[in-house]
Amino acid sequence: QVQLVGSGGGLVQDGGSLRLSCAASGFIFRNYAMGWFRQAPGREREFVAAISGSGRRTYYADSVKGRFTISRDNAKNTVYLQMNSLKPEDTAVYSCAADGSLETLKAGRSRGYWGQGTQVTVSS
């Protein structure tokens, strides 16, 4: 059974930091690029960050570049999103996704697997 379980969300003040984790199981994790997406109430889902299967390549949305860092530990089947300098506009449900193509994730889509979301709320 494929599972992508997100965790680490919470309530943080403007300028604060959070580290999200997504633990994967049920598929060959190393073979998949991984991404983070977010969706705020009344808003379309948007791409946040992606990382290649090997971890050698990363890509970020302009809105988070320089503030967020995506990483992965293939030995632990886990992908992370370190979020610094958080802003109220970062408030959303964050979900991880797996796809065979980093380019597909960069385009805002996943043809593979989607995980449960974790709520991030940034107070102003």
Protein backbone atom coordinates (compact mmCIF):
# COMPACT_ATOMS: atom_id res chain seq x y z
CA GLN A 1 0.00 0.00 0.00
CA VAL A 2 1.44 3.36 -1.06
CA GLN A 3 1.56 5.95 1.69
CA LEU A 4 2.87 9.50 1.86
CA VAL A 5 2.37 10.83 5.36
CA GLY A 6 3.01 14.50 5.91
CA SER A 7 3.77 15.98 9.29
CA GLY A 8 5.38 18.98 10.96
CA GLY A 9 2.79 21.63 10.29
CA GLY A 10 1.52 23.99 12.92
CA LEU A 11 1.00 27.57 13.95
CA VAL A 12 3.95 29.91 13.70
CA GLN A 13 4.48 33.66 13.86
CA ASP A 14 5.40 35.82 10.92
CA GLY A 15 9.12 35.31 10.35
CA GLY A 16 9.22 31.95 12.07
CA SER A 17 10.31 28.54 10.82
CA LEU A 18 8.86 25.08 10.42
CA ARG A 19 10.21 21.82 9.05
CA LEU A 20 7.79 19.56 7.24
CA SER A 21 8.40 15.87 6.71
CA CYS A 22 6.81 13.38 4.36
CA ALA A 23 7.42 9.71 5.06
CA ALA A 24 6.95 7.39 2.09
CA SER A 25 6.27 3.69 1.88
CA GLY A 26 4.94 1.16 -0.60
CA PHE A 27 7.03 2.20 -3.60
CA ILE A 28 10.68 2.53 -4.60
CA PHE A 29 11.27 5.95 -3.14
CA ARG A 30 14.65 6.60 -4.77
CA ASN A 31 13.16 6.20 -8.25
CA TYR A 32 10.76 9.11 -7.78
CA ALA A 33 11.15 12.84 -7.82
CA MET A 34 9.36 14.38 -4.87
CA GLY A 35 7.54 17.64 -4.54
CA TRP A 36 5.70 19.86 -2.13
CA PHE A 37 2.47 21.64 -3.02
CA ARG A 38 0.18 23.89 -1.06
CA GLN A 39 -3.42 25.00 -1.19
CA ALA A 40 -5.06 27.83 0.72
CA PRO A 41 -8.83 28.16 1.17
CA GLY A 42 -10.42 29.45 -2.00
CA ARG A 43 -7.13 29.20 -3.89
CA GLU A 44 -5.80 26.83 -6.50
CA ARG A 45 -3.18 24.31 -5.51
CA GLU A 46 0.29 25.63 -6.26
CA PHE A 47 3.72 24.14 -6.66
CA VAL A 48 6.23 24.92 -3.93
CA ALA A 49 9.39 22.85 -4.41
CA ALA A 50 10.67 19.66 -6.01
CA ILE A 51 13.71 17.44 -5.80
CA SER A 52 15.01 14.76 -8.13
CA GLY A 53 15.17 11.12 -7.08
CA SER A 54 18.88 11.32 -6.40
CA GLY A 55 18.61 14.66 -4.65
CA ARG A 56 21.04 16.25 -7.10
CA ARG A 57 18.53 18.70 -8.54
CA THR A 58 16.05 20.99 -6.83
CA TYR A 59 13.56 23.55 -8.04
CA TYR A 60 11.55 26.19 -6.20
CA ALA A 61 8.63 28.43 -6.88
CA ASP A 62 9.70 32.06 -7.04
CA SER A 63 7.50 32.85 -4.06
CA VAL A 64 9.57 30.64 -1.73
CA LYS A 65 13.01 30.77 -3.29
CA GLY A 66 15.63 31.71 -0.74
CA ARG A 67 13.32 30.92 2.16
CA PHE A 68 12.44 27.24 1.72
CA THR A 69 14.77 24.28 1.23
CA ILE A 70 13.70 20.86 0.00
CA SER A 71 15.82 17.83 0.83
CA ARG A 72 15.49 14.08 0.98
CA ASP A 73 16.97 11.12 2.77
CA ASN A 74 16.51 8.08 0.58
CA ALA A 75 17.74 5.77 3.33
CA LYS A 76 14.80 6.96 5.43
CA ASN A 77 12.31 7.25 2.55
CA THR A 78 11.59 10.78 3.67
CA VAL A 79 11.43 14.17 1.98
CA TYR A 80 11.66 17.41 3.96
CA LEU A 81 10.73 21.03 3.50
CA GLN A 82 12.56 23.50 5.71
CA MET A 83 10.57 26.73 5.76
CA ASN A 84 12.23 29.87 7.08
CA SER A 85 11.12 33.49 7.17
CA LEU A 86 7.51 32.39 6.95
CA LYS A 87 4.91 34.91 5.87
CA PRO A 88 1.13 34.96 6.36
CA GLU A 89 0.71 34.26 2.66
CA ASP A 90 2.44 30.91 3.22
CA THR A 91 -0.59 29.75 5.19
CA ALA A 92 -1.97 26.66 3.47
CA VAL A 93 -2.33 22.92 3.61
CA TYR A 94 0.96 21.47 2.42
CA SER A 95 1.05 18.10 0.67
CA CYS A 96 3.85 16.01 -0.73
CA ALA A 97 3.72 14.15 -4.02
CA ALA A 98 5.81 11.63 -5.93
CA ASP A 99 6.32 11.46 -9.67
CA GLY A 100 8.77 9.87 -12.05
CA SER A 101 9.62 13.26 -13.52
CA LEU A 102 10.93 16.34 -11.78
CA GLU A 103 9.65 18.33 -14.75
CA THR A 104 6.11 17.13 -14.16
CA LEU A 105 6.25 18.28 -10.54
CA LYS A 106 7.69 21.64 -11.60
CA ALA A 107 4.68 22.06 -13.86
CA GLY A 108 2.41 21.74 -10.83
CA ARG A 109 1.25 18.19 -11.42
CA SER A 110 1.90 14.68 -10.24
CA ARG A 111 1.09 11.56 -12.21
CA GLY A 112 2.19 9.37 -9.32
CA TYR A 113 1.19 9.58 -5.68
CA TRP A 114 -0.24 12.25 -3.40
CA GLY A 115 0.11 12.36 0.35
CA GLN A 116 -2.00 13.64 3.18
CA GLY A 117 -1.75 17.32 3.89
CA THR A 118 -0.40 19.10 6.93
CA GLN A 119 -1.70 22.52 7.94
CA VAL A 120 0.70 25.45 8.15
CA THR A 121 -0.67 28.65 9.63
CA VAL A 122 1.44 31.81 9.83
CA SER A 123 0.06 34.59 11.99
CA SER A 124 0.65 38.21 11.11
